[in-house]
Structure formats: C-alpha cells, structure tokens
PDB file of N, CA and C in Angstrom:
ATOM      1  N   UNK A   1     121.412  64.722  87.607  1.00  0.00           N
ATOM      2  CA  UNK A   1     122.043  64.559  88.831  1.00  0.00           C
ATOM      3  C   UNK A   1     121.662  64.191  89.853  1.00  0.00           C
ATOM      4  N   UNK A   2     120.521  64.847  90.122  1.00  0.00           N
ATOM      5  CA  UNK A   2     119.235  64.274  91.409  1.00  0.00           C
ATOM      6  C   UNK A   2     119.065  63.042  91.319  1.00  0.00           C
ATOM      7  N   UNK A   3     119.071  62.172  90.331  1.00  0.00           N
ATOM      8  CA  UNK A   3     118.814  60.785  90.274  1.00  0.00           C
ATOM      9  C   UNK A   3     120.003  59.962  90.802  1.00  0.00           C
ATOM     10  N   UNK A   4     121.374  60.323  90.432  1.00  0.00           N
ATOM     11  CA  UNK A   4     122.319  59.825  90.821  1.00  0.00           C
ATOM     12  C   UNK A   4     122.785  60.204  92.259  1.00  0.00           C
ATOM     13  N   UNK A   5     122.553  61.426  92.411  1.00  0.00           N
ATOM     14  CA  UNK A   5     122.859  61.664  94.124  1.00  0.00           C
ATOM     15  C   UNK A   5     121.689  60.916  94.946  1.00  0.00           C
ATOM     16  N   UNK A   6     120.344  60.512  94.844  1.00  0.00           N
ATOM     17  CA  UNK A   6     119.391  59.848  95.339  1.00  0.00           C
ATOM     18  C   UNK A   6     119.815  58.169  94.942  1.00  0.00           C
ATOM     19  N   UNK A   7     120.637  57.847  94.155  1.00  0.00           N
ATOM     20  CA  UNK A   7     120.842  56.593  94.210  1.00  0.00           C
ATOM     21  C   UNK A   7     121.672  56.200  95.212  1.00  0.00           C
ATOM     22  N   UNK A   8     123.134  57.517  95.054  1.00  0.00           N
ATOM     23  CA  UNK A   8     124.009  57.393  96.159  1.00  0.00           C
ATOM     24  C   UNK A   8     123.741  57.196  97.158  1.00  0.00           C
ATOM     25  N   UNK A   9     122.870  57.591  98.036  1.00  0.00           N
ATOM     26  CA  UNK A   9     122.281  57.820  99.229  1.00  0.00           C
ATOM     27  C   UNK A   9     121.675  56.533  99.397  1.00  0.00           C
ATOM     28  N   UNK A  10     120.742  55.827  98.377  1.00  0.00           N
ATOM     29  CA  UNK A  10     120.054  54.602  98.545  1.00  0.00           C
ATOM     30  C   UNK A  10     120.942  53.722  98.326  1.00  0.00           C
ATOM     31  N   UNK A  11     122.256  53.616  98.119  1.00  0.00           N
ATOM     32  CA  UNK A  11     123.084  52.789  97.776  1.00  0.00           C
ATOM     33  C   UNK A  11     122.727  51.499  96.534  1.00  0.00           C
ATOM     34  N   UNK A  12     121.971  52.114  95.385  1.00  0.00           N
ATOM     35  CA  UNK A  12     121.491  51.662  94.107  1.00  0.00           C
ATOM     36  C   UNK A  12     123.033  51.516  93.454  1.00  0.00           C
ATOM     37  N   UNK A  13     123.136  50.557  92.502  1.00  0.00           N
ATOM     38  CA  UNK A  13     124.253  50.350  91.995  1.00  0.00           C
ATOM     39  C   UNK A  13     123.854  50.881  90.507  1.00  0.00           C
ATOM     40  N   UNK A  14     124.059  52.246  90.566  1.00  0.00           N
ATOM     41  CA  UNK A  14     123.570  53.032  89.095  1.00  0.00           C
ATOM     42  C   UNK A  14     124.750  53.991  88.896  1.00  0.00           C
ATOM     43  N   UNK A  15     125.117  54.051  87.786  1.00  0.00           N
ATOM     44  CA  UNK A  15     126.299  54.550  87.011  1.00  0.00           C
ATOM     45  C   UNK A  15     125.464  56.071  86.869  1.00  0.00           C
ATOM     46  N   UNK A  16     125.954  56.983  86.738  1.00  0.00           N
ATOM     47  CA  UNK A  16     125.933  58.418  86.136  1.00  0.00           C
ATOM     48  C   UNK A  16     125.122  58.184  84.651  1.00  0.00           C
ATOM     49  N   UNK A  17     125.583  57.718  84.040  1.00  0.00           N
ATOM     50  CA  UNK A  17     125.385  57.389  82.687  1.00  0.00           C
ATOM     51  C   UNK A  17     123.554  56.922  82.533  1.00  0.00           C
ATOM     52  N   UNK A  18     123.999  55.819  83.721  1.00  0.00           N
ATOM     53  CA  UNK A  18     122.044  55.189  83.898  1.00  0.00           C
ATOM     54  C   UNK A  18     121.179  56.133  84.358  1.00  0.00           C
ATOM     55  N   UNK A  19     121.800  57.103  85.351  1.00  0.00           N
ATOM     56  CA  UNK A  19     120.987  57.765  86.101  1.00  0.00           C
ATOM     57  C   UNK A  19     120.216  59.027  85.552  1.00  0.00           C
ATOM     58  N   UNK A  20     121.332  59.570  83.876  1.00  0.00           N
ATOM     59  CA  UNK A  20     121.140  60.288  82.692  1.00  0.00           C
ATOM     60  C   UNK A  20     119.753  59.638  82.679  1.00  0.00           C
ATOM     61  N   UNK A  21     120.173  58.216  82.114  1.00  0.00           N
ATOM     62  CA  UNK A  21     119.185  57.360  80.963  1.00  0.00           C
ATOM     63  C   UNK A  21     117.759  57.503  81.911  1.00  0.00           C
ATOM     64  N   UNK A  22     117.803  57.391  83.322  1.00  0.00           N
ATOM     65  CA  UNK A  22     116.708  57.434  84.221  1.00  0.00           C
ATOM     66  C   UNK A  22     116.054  58.698  84.210  1.00  0.00           C
ATOM     67  N   UNK A  23     116.783  59.699  84.129  1.00  0.00           N
ATOM     68  CA  UNK A  23     116.161  61.381  84.544  1.00  0.00           C
ATOM     69  C   UNK A  23     115.491  61.436  83.069  1.00  0.00           C
ATOM     70  N   UNK A  24     116.032  60.809  82.019  1.00  0.00           N
ATOM     71  CA  UNK A  24     115.510  61.655  80.485  1.00  0.00           C
ATOM     72  C   UNK A  24     114.359  60.382  80.451  1.00  0.00           C
ATOM     73  N   UNK A  25     113.960  59.000  80.769  1.00  0.00           N
ATOM     74  CA  UNK A  25     112.722  58.658  80.575  1.00  0.00           C
ATOM     75  C   UNK A  25     111.958  59.477  81.603  1.00  0.00           C
ATOM     76  N   UNK A  26     112.184  59.568  82.692  1.00  0.00           N
ATOM     77  CA  UNK A  26     111.197  60.289  83.758  1.00  0.00           C
ATOM     78  C   UNK A  26     110.665  61.546  82.610  1.00  0.00           C
ATOM     79  N   UNK A  27     111.496  62.588  82.429  1.00  0.00           N
ATOM     80  CA  UNK A  27     111.193  63.517  81.692  1.00  0.00           C
ATOM     81  C   UNK A  27     110.176  63.552  80.571  1.00  0.00           C
ATOM     82  N   UNK A  28     110.380  62.430  79.706  1.00  0.00           N
ATOM     83  CA  UNK A  28     109.715  62.049  78.470  1.00  0.00           C
ATOM     84  C   UNK A  28     108.154  61.312  78.931  1.00  0.00           C
ATOM     85  N   UNK A  29     108.505  61.095  80.258  1.00  0.00           N
ATOM     86  CA  UNK A  29     107.275  60.492  80.262  1.00  0.00           C
ATOM     87  C   UNK A  29     106.051  61.633  81.188  1.00  0.00           C
ATOM     88  N   UNK A  30     106.923  62.483  82.059  1.00  0.00           N
ATOM     89  CA  UNK A  30     106.215  63.787  82.531  1.00  0.00           C
ATOM     90  C   UNK A  30     105.435  64.451  81.000  1.00  0.00           C
ATOM     91  N   UNK A  31     106.457  64.718  80.383  1.00  0.00           N
ATOM     92  CA  UNK A  31     106.121  65.266  78.873  1.00  0.00           C
ATOM     93  C   UNK A  31     104.781  64.354  78.412  1.00  0.00           C
ATOM     94  N   UNK A  32     104.906  63.505  78.171  1.00  0.00           N
ATOM     95  CA  UNK A  32     103.715  63.101  77.282  1.00  0.00           C
ATOM     96  C   UNK A  32     102.265  62.778  78.003  1.00  0.00           C
ATOM     97  N   UNK A  33     102.507  62.387  79.665  1.00  0.00           N
ATOM     98  CA  UNK A  33     101.305  62.332  80.599  1.00  0.00           C
ATOM     99  C   UNK A  33     101.162  63.863  81.323  1.00  0.00           C
ATOM    100  N   UNK A  34     101.285  64.843  80.137  1.00  0.00           N
ATOM    101  CA  UNK A  34     100.891  66.125  80.868  1.00  0.00           C
ATOM    102  C   UNK A  34     100.025  66.247  81.241  1.00  0.00           C
ATOM    103  N   UNK A  35      98.898  65.527  80.916  1.00  0.00           N
ATOM    104  CA  UNK A  35      97.281  66.159  81.561  1.00  0.00           C
ATOM    105  C   UNK A  35      96.923  65.387  82.968  1.00  0.00           C
ATOM    106  N   UNK A  36      98.174  64.488  83.399  1.00  0.00           N
ATOM    107  CA  UNK A  36      97.630  63.701  84.339  1.00  0.00           C
ATOM    108  C   UNK A  36      98.259  64.744  85.572  1.00  0.00           C
ATOM    109  N   UNK A  37      97.339  65.207  86.681  1.00  0.00           N
ATOM    110  CA  UNK A  37      97.489  65.840  87.448  1.00  0.00           C
ATOM    111  C   UNK A  37      98.865  65.695  88.496  1.00  0.00           C
ATOM    112  N   UNK A  38      99.871  66.208  88.409  1.00  0.00           N
ATOM    113  CA  UNK A  38     101.236  65.864  88.592  1.00  0.00           C
ATOM    114  C   UNK A  38     101.826  64.496  88.648  1.00  0.00           C
ATOM    115  N   UNK A  39     101.484  64.100  87.357  1.00  0.00           N
ATOM    116  CA  UNK A  39     102.127  62.935  87.101  1.00  0.00           C
ATOM    117  C   UNK A  39     101.898  61.872  87.807  1.00  0.00           C
ATOM    118  N   UNK A  40     100.928  61.676  88.540  1.00  0.00           N
ATOM    119  CA  UNK A  40     101.002  60.857  89.669  1.00  0.00           C
ATOM    120  C   UNK A  40     100.601  59.307  88.840  1.00  0.00           C
ATOM    121  N   UNK A  41     101.812  58.533  89.455  1.00  0.00           N
ATOM    122  CA  UNK A  41     101.922  57.269  89.069  1.00  0.00           C
ATOM    123  C   UNK A  41     102.953  56.635  87.758  1.00  0.00           C
ATOM    124  N   UNK A  42     102.687  58.026  86.998  1.00  0.00           N
ATOM    125  CA  UNK A  42     103.421  57.782  85.408  1.00  0.00           C
ATOM    126  C   UNK A  42     105.130  57.724  85.705  1.00  0.00           C
ATOM    127  N   UNK A  43     105.861  58.907  86.738  1.00  0.00           N
ATOM    128  CA  UNK A  43     106.861  58.835  87.214  1.00  0.00           C
ATOM    129  C   UNK A  43     107.197  57.847  87.802  1.00  0.00           C
ATOM    130  N   UNK A  44     106.410  57.088  88.358  1.00  0.00           N
ATOM    131  CA  UNK A  44     106.993  55.629  89.240  1.00  0.00           C
ATOM    132  C   UNK A  44     107.014  54.645  88.623  1.00  0.00           C
ATOM    133  N   UNK A  45     106.114  54.404  87.306  1.00  0.00           N
ATOM    134  CA  UNK A  45     106.183  53.579  86.716  1.00  0.00           C
ATOM    135  C   UNK A  45     107.189  53.675  85.682  1.00  0.00           C
ATOM    136  N   UNK A  46     107.677  54.548  84.866  1.00  0.00           N
ATOM    137  CA  UNK A  46     108.831  55.124  84.240  1.00  0.00           C
ATOM    138  C   UNK A  46     109.882  54.738  84.977  1.00  0.00           C
ATOM    139  N   UNK A  47     110.336  54.971  86.245  1.00  0.00           N
ATOM    140  CA  UNK A  47     111.629  54.851  87.313  1.00  0.00           C
ATOM    141  C   UNK A  47     111.628  53.197  87.066  1.00  0.00           C
ATOM    142  N   UNK A  48     110.166  52.646  87.749  1.00  0.00           N
ATOM    143  CA  UNK A  48     110.515  51.040  88.052  1.00  0.00           C
ATOM    144  C   UNK A  48     110.811  50.410  87.052  1.00  0.00           C
ATOM    145  N   UNK A  49     110.108  50.966  85.247  1.00  0.00           N
ATOM    146  CA  UNK A  49     110.525  49.443  84.281  1.00  0.00           C
ATOM    147  C   UNK A  49     111.697  50.112  83.742  1.00  0.00           C
ATOM    148  N   UNK A  50     112.199  51.498  83.783  1.00  0.00           N
ATOM    149  CA  UNK A  50     113.844  51.444  83.304  1.00  0.00           C
ATOM    150  C   UNK A  50     114.809  50.935  83.870  1.00  0.00           C
ATOM    151  N   UNK A  51     114.726  51.137  85.348  1.00  0.00           N
ATOM    152  CA  UNK A  51     115.429  50.973  86.556  1.00  0.00           C
ATOM    153  C   UNK A  51     115.690  49.425  86.480  1.00  0.00           C
ATOM    154  N   UNK A  52     114.545  48.550  86.375  1.00  0.00           N
ATOM    155  CA  UNK A  52     114.386  47.131  86.075  1.00  0.00           C
ATOM    156  C   UNK A  52     114.909  46.632  85.071  1.00  0.00           C
ATOM    157  N   UNK A  53     114.910  47.270  83.585  1.00  0.00           N
ATOM    158  CA  UNK A  53     115.635  46.991  82.566  1.00  0.00           C
ATOM    159  C   UNK A  53     117.268  47.244  82.759  1.00  0.00           C
ATOM    160  N   UNK A  54     117.655  48.287  83.147  1.00  0.00           N
ATOM    161  CA  UNK A  54     119.016  48.696  83.411  1.00  0.00           C
ATOM    162  C   UNK A  54     119.812  47.649  84.550  1.00  0.00           C
ATOM    163  N   UNK A  55     119.103  47.580  85.504  1.00  0.00           N
ATOM    164  CA  UNK A  55     119.812  46.940  87.051  1.00  0.00           C
ATOM    165  C   UNK A  55     119.523  45.385  87.036  1.00  0.00           C
ATOM    166  N   UNK A  56     117.845  45.520  86.662  1.00  0.00           N
ATOM    167  CA  UNK A  56     117.154  44.167  87.166  1.00  0.00           C
ATOM    168  C   UNK A  56     116.374  44.554  88.373  1.00  0.00           C
ATOM    169  N   UNK A  57     116.954  45.332  88.985  1.00  0.00           N
ATOM    170  CA  UNK A  57     115.825  45.807  90.560  1.00  0.00           C
ATOM    171  C   UNK A  57     115.186  46.765  90.447  1.00  0.00           C
ATOM    172  N   UNK A  58     113.632  46.624  89.799  1.00  0.00           N
ATOM    173  CA  UNK A  58     112.782  47.799  89.971  1.00  0.00           C
ATOM    174  C   UNK A  58     112.348  48.115  91.217  1.00  0.00           C
ATOM    175  N   UNK A  59     113.237  47.575  92.182  1.00  0.00           N
ATOM    176  CA  UNK A  59     112.427  48.637  93.540  1.00  0.00           C
ATOM    177  C   UNK A  59     113.574  49.720  93.564  1.00  0.00           C
ATOM    178  N   UNK A  60     114.389  49.443  93.277  1.00  0.00           N
ATOM    179  CA  UNK A  60     115.703  50.939  93.440  1.00  0.00           C
ATOM    180  C   UNK A  60     115.164  51.749  93.114  1.00  0.00           C
ATOM    181  N   UNK A  61     113.965  52.000  91.489  1.00  0.00           N
ATOM    182  CA  UNK A  61     113.552  52.404  90.789  1.00  0.00           C
ATOM    183  C   UNK A  61     112.196  53.512  91.661  1.00  0.00           C
ATOM    184  N   UNK A  62     111.655  52.852  92.046  1.00  0.00           N
ATOM    185  CA  UNK A  62     110.756  53.470  92.812  1.00  0.00           C
ATOM    186  C   UNK A  62     111.017  54.047  94.183  1.00  0.00           C
ATOM    187  N   UNK A  63     111.878  53.239  94.551  1.00  0.00           N
ATOM    188  CA  UNK A  63     112.697  54.420  96.306  1.00  0.00           C
ATOM    189  C   UNK A  63     113.030  55.463  95.505  1.00  0.00           C
ATOM    190  N   UNK A  64     113.432  55.482  93.998  1.00  0.00           N
ATOM    191  CA  UNK A  64     114.264  57.230  93.756  1.00  0.00           C
ATOM    192  C   UNK A  64     112.827  57.705  93.831  1.00  0.00           C
ATOM    193  N   UNK A  65     111.795  57.232  92.791  1.00  0.00           N
ATOM    194  CA  UNK A  65     110.602  58.227  92.533  1.00  0.00           C
ATOM    195  C   UNK A  65     110.052  58.460  94.048  1.00  0.00           C
ATOM    196  N   UNK A  66     109.869  57.764  95.017  1.00  0.00           N
ATOM    197  CA  UNK A  66     109.453  58.083  96.073  1.00  0.00           C
ATOM    198  C   UNK A  66     110.243  59.387  96.694  1.00  0.00           C
ATOM    199  N   UNK A  67     111.290  59.169  96.659  1.00  0.00           N
ATOM    200  CA  UNK A  67     112.715  60.451  97.147  1.00  0.00           C
ATOM    201  C   UNK A  67     112.011  61.775  96.368  1.00  0.00           C
ATOM    202  N   UNK A  68     111.712  61.801  94.899  1.00  0.00           N
ATOM    203  CA  UNK A  68     111.470  63.153  94.261  1.00  0.00           C
ATOM    204  C   UNK A  68     110.377  63.283  94.599  1.00  0.00           C
ATOM    205  N   UNK A  69     109.159  62.488  94.839  1.00  0.00           N
ATOM    206  CA  UNK A  69     107.799  62.959  94.909  1.00  0.00           C
ATOM    207  C   UNK A  69     107.948  63.439  96.563  1.00  0.00           C
ATOM    208  N   UNK A  70     109.163  63.168  97.883  1.00  0.00           N
ATOM    209  CA  UNK A  70     108.937  63.828  99.302  1.00  0.00           C
ATOM    210  C   UNK A  70     109.682  65.088  99.074  1.00  0.00           C
ATOM    211  N   UNK A  71     110.445  65.440  98.134  1.00  0.00           N
ATOM    212  CA  UNK A  71     110.799  66.775  98.144  1.00  0.00           C
ATOM    213  C   UNK A  71     109.974  67.453  97.236  1.00  0.00           C
ATOM    214  N   UNK A  72     108.732  66.996  96.194  1.00  0.00           N
ATOM    215  CA  UNK A  72     108.158  67.762  95.431  1.00  0.00           C
ATOM    216  C   UNK A  72     107.394  68.455  97.172  1.00  0.00           C
ATOM    217  N   UNK A  73     106.840  67.022  97.638  1.00  0.00           N
ATOM    218  CA  UNK A  73     105.559  67.226  99.116  1.00  0.00           C
ATOM    219  C   UNK A  73     106.025  68.624  99.515  1.00  0.00           C
ATOM    220  N   UNK A  74     107.283  68.611  99.987  1.00  0.00           N
ATOM    221  CA  UNK A  74     108.267  69.365 100.813  1.00  0.00           C
ATOM    222  C   UNK A  74     107.822  70.970 100.435  1.00  0.00           C
ATOM    223  N   UNK A  75     108.494  71.219  99.033  1.00  0.00           N
ATOM    224  CA  UNK A  75     108.469  72.422  99.007  1.00  0.00           C
ATOM    225  C   UNK A  75     107.099  72.509  98.451  1.00  0.00           C
ATOM    226  N   UNK A  76     106.033  72.032  98.333  1.00  0.00           N
ATOM    227  CA  UNK A  76     104.627  72.676  98.225  1.00  0.00           C
ATOM    228  C   UNK A  76     103.972  72.794  99.565  1.00  0.00           C
ATOM    229  N   UNK A  77     104.517  72.139 100.851  1.00  0.00           N
ATOM    230  CA  UNK A  77     104.034  72.115 102.012  1.00  0.00           C
ATOM    231  C   UNK A  77     104.634  73.512 102.266  1.00  0.00           C
ATOM    232  N   UNK A  78     105.940  73.618 102.147  1.00  0.00           N
ATOM    233  CA  UNK A  78     106.788  74.579 102.560  1.00  0.00           C
ATOM    234  C   UNK A  78     106.098  76.219 101.762  1.00  0.00           C
ATOM    235  N   UNK A  79     105.579  76.209 100.457  1.00  0.00           N
ATOM    236  CA  UNK A  79     104.761  77.164 100.117  1.00  0.00           C
ATOM    237  C   UNK A  79     103.669  77.681 100.404  1.00  0.00           C
ATOM    238  N   UNK A  80     102.934  76.335 101.009  1.00  0.00           N
ATOM    239  CA  UNK A  80     101.633  76.700 101.569  1.00  0.00           C
ATOM    240  C   UNK A  80     101.663  76.975 103.285  1.00  0.00           C
ATOM    241  N   UNK A  81     102.843  76.899 103.746  1.00  0.00           N
ATOM    242  CA  UNK A  81     103.013  77.166 104.870  1.00  0.00           C
ATOM    243  C   UNK A  81     103.292  78.748 104.786  1.00  0.00           C
ATOM    244  N   UNK A  82     103.935  79.142 103.874  1.00  0.00           N
ATOM    245  CA  UNK A  82     104.147  80.723 103.725  1.00  0.00           C
ATOM    246  C   UNK A  82     103.006  81.355 103.491  1.00  0.00           C
ATOM    247  N   UNK A  83     102.388  81.201 102.615  1.00  0.00           N
ATOM    248  CA  UNK A  83     101.384  81.523 102.550  1.00  0.00           C
ATOM    249  C   UNK A  83     100.176  81.892 102.976  1.00  0.00           C
ATOM    250  N   UNK A  84      99.959  80.973 103.691  1.00  0.00           N
ATOM    251  CA  UNK A  84      99.188  80.970 105.805  1.00  0.00           C
ATOM    252  C   UNK A  84      99.835  81.812 106.245  1.00  0.00           C
ATOM    253  N   UNK A  85     101.023  81.458 106.102  1.00  0.00           N
ATOM    254  CA  UNK A  85     101.919  82.699 107.286  1.00  0.00           C
ATOM    255  C   UNK A  85     101.582  83.777 107.044  1.00  0.00           C
ATOM    256  N   UNK A  86     101.532  84.360 105.434  1.00  0.00           N
ATOM    257  CA  UNK A  86     101.464  85.755 105.098  1.00  0.00           C
ATOM    258  C   UNK A  86      99.763  86.277 105.006  1.00  0.00           C
ATOM    259  N   UNK A  87      98.898  85.283 104.831  1.00  0.00           N
ATOM    260  CA  UNK A  87      97.677  85.413 105.132  1.00  0.00           C
ATOM    261  C   UNK A  87      96.985  86.011 106.582  1.00  0.00           C
ATOM    262  N   UNK A  88      97.872  85.246 107.581  1.00  0.00           N
ATOM    263  CA  UNK A  88      97.222  85.509 108.950  1.00  0.00           C
ATOM    264  C   UNK A  88      98.222  86.572 109.456  1.00  0.00           C
ATOM    265  N   UNK A  89      99.327  87.041 109.252  1.00  0.00           N
ATOM    266  CA  UNK A  89      99.690  88.262 109.516  1.00  0.00           C
ATOM    267  C   UNK A  89      99.321  89.608 108.792  1.00  0.00           C
ATOM    268  N   UNK A  90      99.135  89.509 107.763  1.00  0.00           N
ATOM    269  CA  UNK A  90      98.349  90.401 106.717  1.00  0.00           C
ATOM    270  C   UNK A  90      97.114  91.466 107.885  1.00  0.00           C
ATOM    271  N   UNK A  91      97.435  92.317 107.718  1.00  0.00           N
ATOM    272  CA  UNK A  91      96.670  93.375 109.024  1.00  0.00           C
ATOM    273  C   UNK A  91      95.237  94.054 107.578  1.00  0.00           C
ATOM    274  N   UNK A  92      95.678  93.950 106.331  1.00  0.00           N
ATOM    275  CA  UNK A  92      94.326  94.161 105.442  1.00  0.00           C
ATOM    276  C   UNK A  92      93.349  92.981 105.429  1.00  0.00           C
ATOM    277  N   UNK A  93      91.811  93.008 105.136  1.00  0.00           N
ATOM    278  CA  UNK A  93      91.293  92.641 105.173  1.00  0.00           C
ATOM    279  C   UNK A  93      91.759  91.926 103.728  1.00  0.00           C
ATOM    280  N   UNK A  94      90.891  90.726 103.377  1.00  0.00           N
ATOM    281  CA  UNK A  94      91.119  90.142 101.692  1.00  0.00           C
ATOM    282  C   UNK A  94      90.065  90.903 100.912  1.00  0.00           C
ATOM    283  N   UNK A  95      90.487  91.266 100.016  1.00  0.00           N
ATOM    284  CA  UNK A  95      89.480  92.537  99.193  1.00  0.00           C
ATOM    285  C   UNK A  95      88.346  91.423  98.784  1.00  0.00           C
ATOM    286  N   UNK A  96      87.602  92.165  98.219  1.00  0.00           N
ATOM    287  CA  UNK A  96      85.967  91.566  98.266  1.00  0.00           C
ATOM    288  C   UNK A  96      85.976  91.725  96.634  1.00  0.00           C
ATOM    289  N   UNK A  97      86.434  90.352  95.776  1.00  0.00           N
ATOM    290  CA  UNK A  97      86.337  90.966  94.404  1.00  0.00           C
ATOM    291  C   UNK A  97      85.118  91.207  93.452  1.00  0.00           C
ATOM    292  N   UNK A  98      84.294  90.147  93.877  1.00  0.00           N
ATOM    293  CA  UNK A  98      82.930  89.050  93.477  1.00  0.00           C
ATOM    294  C   UNK A  98      81.710  89.124  94.229  1.00  0.00           C
ATOM    295  N   UNK A  99      80.801  89.780  93.924  1.00  0.00           N
ATOM    296  CA  UNK A  99      79.443  89.624  94.438  1.00  0.00           C
ATOM    297  C   UNK A  99      78.526  89.043  93.497  1.00  0.00           C
ATOM    298  N   UNK A 100      77.646  88.199  94.201  1.00  0.00           N
ATOM    299  CA  UNK A 100      77.039  87.474  93.030  1.00  0.00           C
ATOM    300  C   UNK A 100      75.220  87.959  93.192  1.00  0.00           C
ATOM    301  N   UNK A 101      74.799  88.259  92.039  1.00  0.00           N
ATOM    302  CA  UNK A 101      73.371  88.520  92.123  1.00  0.00           C
ATOM    303  C   UNK A 101      72.938  87.516  91.609  1.00  0.00           C
ATOM    304  N   UNK A 102      72.051  87.083  91.823  1.00  0.00           N
ATOM    305  CA  UNK A 102      71.109  85.626  90.957  1.00  0.00           C
ATOM    306  C   UNK A 102      72.319  84.906  90.730  1.00  0.00           C
ATOM    307  N   UNK A 103      72.648  84.791  89.243  1.00  0.00           N
ATOM    308  CA  UNK A 103      73.326  83.993  88.887  1.00  0.00           C
ATOM    309  C   UNK A 103      74.770  84.769  88.271  1.00  0.00           C
ATOM    310  N   UNK A 104      74.882  86.025  88.230  1.00  0.00           N
ATOM    311  CA  UNK A 104      75.734  86.627  87.299  1.00  0.00           C
ATOM    312  C   UNK A 104      76.753  87.498  88.788  1.00  0.00           C
ATOM    313  N   UNK A 105      77.776  87.221  87.948  1.00  0.00           N
ATOM    314  CA  UNK A 105      78.773  87.762  89.092  1.00  0.00           C
ATOM    315  C   UNK A 105      79.362  89.161  88.456  1.00  0.00           C
ATOM    316  N   UNK A 106      79.222  90.004  89.564  1.00  0.00           N
ATOM    317  CA  UNK A 106      79.191  91.485  89.119  1.00  0.00           C
ATOM    318  C   UNK A 106      80.414  92.182  90.304  1.00  0.00           C
ATOM    319  N   UNK A 107      81.428  92.758  89.288  1.00  0.00           N
ATOM    320  CA  UNK A 107      82.408  93.163  90.623  1.00  0.00           C
ATOM    321  C   UNK A 107      81.937  93.986  91.255  1.00  0.00           C
ATOM    322  N   UNK A 108      82.786  94.332  92.478  1.00  0.00           N
ATOM    323  CA  UNK A 108      82.225  94.902  93.935  1.00  0.00           C
ATOM    324  C   UNK A 108      83.045  96.321  93.494  1.00  0.00           C
ATOM    325  N   UNK A 109      83.289  97.169  92.311  1.00  0.00           N
ATOM    326  CA  UNK A 109      83.679  98.046  92.462  1.00  0.00           C
ATOM    327  C   UNK A 109      82.207  99.197  92.615  1.00  0.00           C
ATOM    328  N   UNK A 110      81.973 100.191  92.785  1.00  0.00           N
ATOM    329  CA  UNK A 110      80.682 100.902  93.003  1.00  0.00           C
ATOM    330  C   UNK A 110      80.179 101.382  91.426  1.00  0.00           C
ATOM    331  N   UNK A 111      81.331 101.717  90.565  1.00  0.00           N
ATOM    332  CA  UNK A 111      81.002 102.133  88.787  1.00  0.00           C
ATOM    333  C   UNK A 111      80.275 100.818  88.565  1.00  0.00           C
ATOM    334  N   UNK A 112      80.594  99.644  88.656  1.00  0.00           N
ATOM    335  CA  UNK A 112      80.329  98.391  88.001  1.00  0.00           C
ATOM    336  C   UNK A 112      78.989  98.416  88.864  1.00  0.00           C
ATOM    337  N   UNK A 113      78.683  98.622  89.646  1.00  0.00           N
ATOM    338  CA  UNK A 113      77.528  98.134  90.500  1.00  0.00           C
ATOM    339  C   UNK A 113      76.140  99.543  89.707  1.00  0.00           C
ATOM    340  N   UNK A 114      76.313 100.863  90.041  1.00  0.00           N
ATOM    341  CA  UNK A 114      75.586 101.798  89.150  1.00  0.00           C
ATOM    342  C   UNK A 114      75.418 101.153  87.653  1.00  0.00           C
ATOM    343  N   UNK A 115      76.156 100.457  87.099  1.00  0.00           N
ATOM    344  CA  UNK A 115      76.020  99.966  85.651  1.00  0.00           C
ATOM    345  C   UNK A 115      74.742  99.388  85.725  1.00  0.00           C
ATOM    346  N   UNK A 116      75.317  98.062  86.615  1.00  0.00           N
ATOM    347  CA  UNK A 116      74.148  97.106  86.806  1.00  0.00           C
ATOM    348  C   UNK A 116      73.006  97.557  86.947  1.00  0.00           C
ATOM    349  N   UNK A 117      72.863  98.212  88.154  1.00  0.00           N
ATOM    350  CA  UNK A 117      71.581  98.960  88.331  1.00  0.00           C
ATOM    351  C   UNK A 117      70.958  99.231  87.137  1.00  0.00           C
ATOM    352  N   UNK A 118      71.609 100.275  86.212  1.00  0.00           N
ATOM    353  CA  UNK A 118      70.763 101.049  85.533  1.00  0.00           C
ATOM    354  C   UNK A 118      70.315  99.945  84.122  1.00  0.00           C
ATOM    355  N   UNK A 119      70.876  98.573  84.230  1.00  0.00           N
ATOM    356  CA  UNK A 119      70.344  98.112  83.078  1.00  0.00           C
ATOM    357  C   UNK A 119      69.582  96.900  84.024  1.00  0.00           C
TER     358      UNK A 119
END
C-alpha cells in the first residue's frame, strides 16, 4: 500500500496490483540480501528492474525507492534526536560499566575489582 500511495503522489502509472508486486519484489530482495547493511542499493535495483518490466519506465521505481529511503532516514534521525535530547537532559551521569586494566575488561563493581586484585 505504501508503494501505491507513493506512486500516486509521484503520478506514476501503477495500479494497486502492480504496487503489490513491486512491494513483494522489494521484500524478497531485502530478505535475500539481509547481510548488506540497510540493503543499500538492492532495494533501488529491485524497484528499478521490476518497475521497468511492468511499466517500461525504471525511473519511477528509483523515485519510489528514494521516497521510501527518505522515510527511513527521517525515522532514524528522529530516534537519534530523541536519544540525544534524553542524554542531554538527564541529570544522572552515564554509568561506568567497564574499566580496562591492560588488555582485560573488568566490570567497575567493587566486588569484581576485589576479586580481580586477589587473582
């Protein structure tokens, strides 16, 4: 449904069934290329190829893909902004969970430090 709504706003000649086919091709591609971070390039390529096969115009597939990416970027940026705001307004200092002693990581709990000193 997202692809159809984006296609309507971009004035792309795609029916709801074709949009469903496009979305399934993207999901199939994302599942097959899960090891690529954020599936960069694979979503765009899949939408380009499938849209070119359906409508003869691959540019609308790339445009749809870029709009979908912008939505992802907005949500990621929003999450970072909320996290940053919570970090700045927090009155508590950040917990210090790990101290390093040479090459070993030691939890900063006093009991664990005394155990490490005994060793």
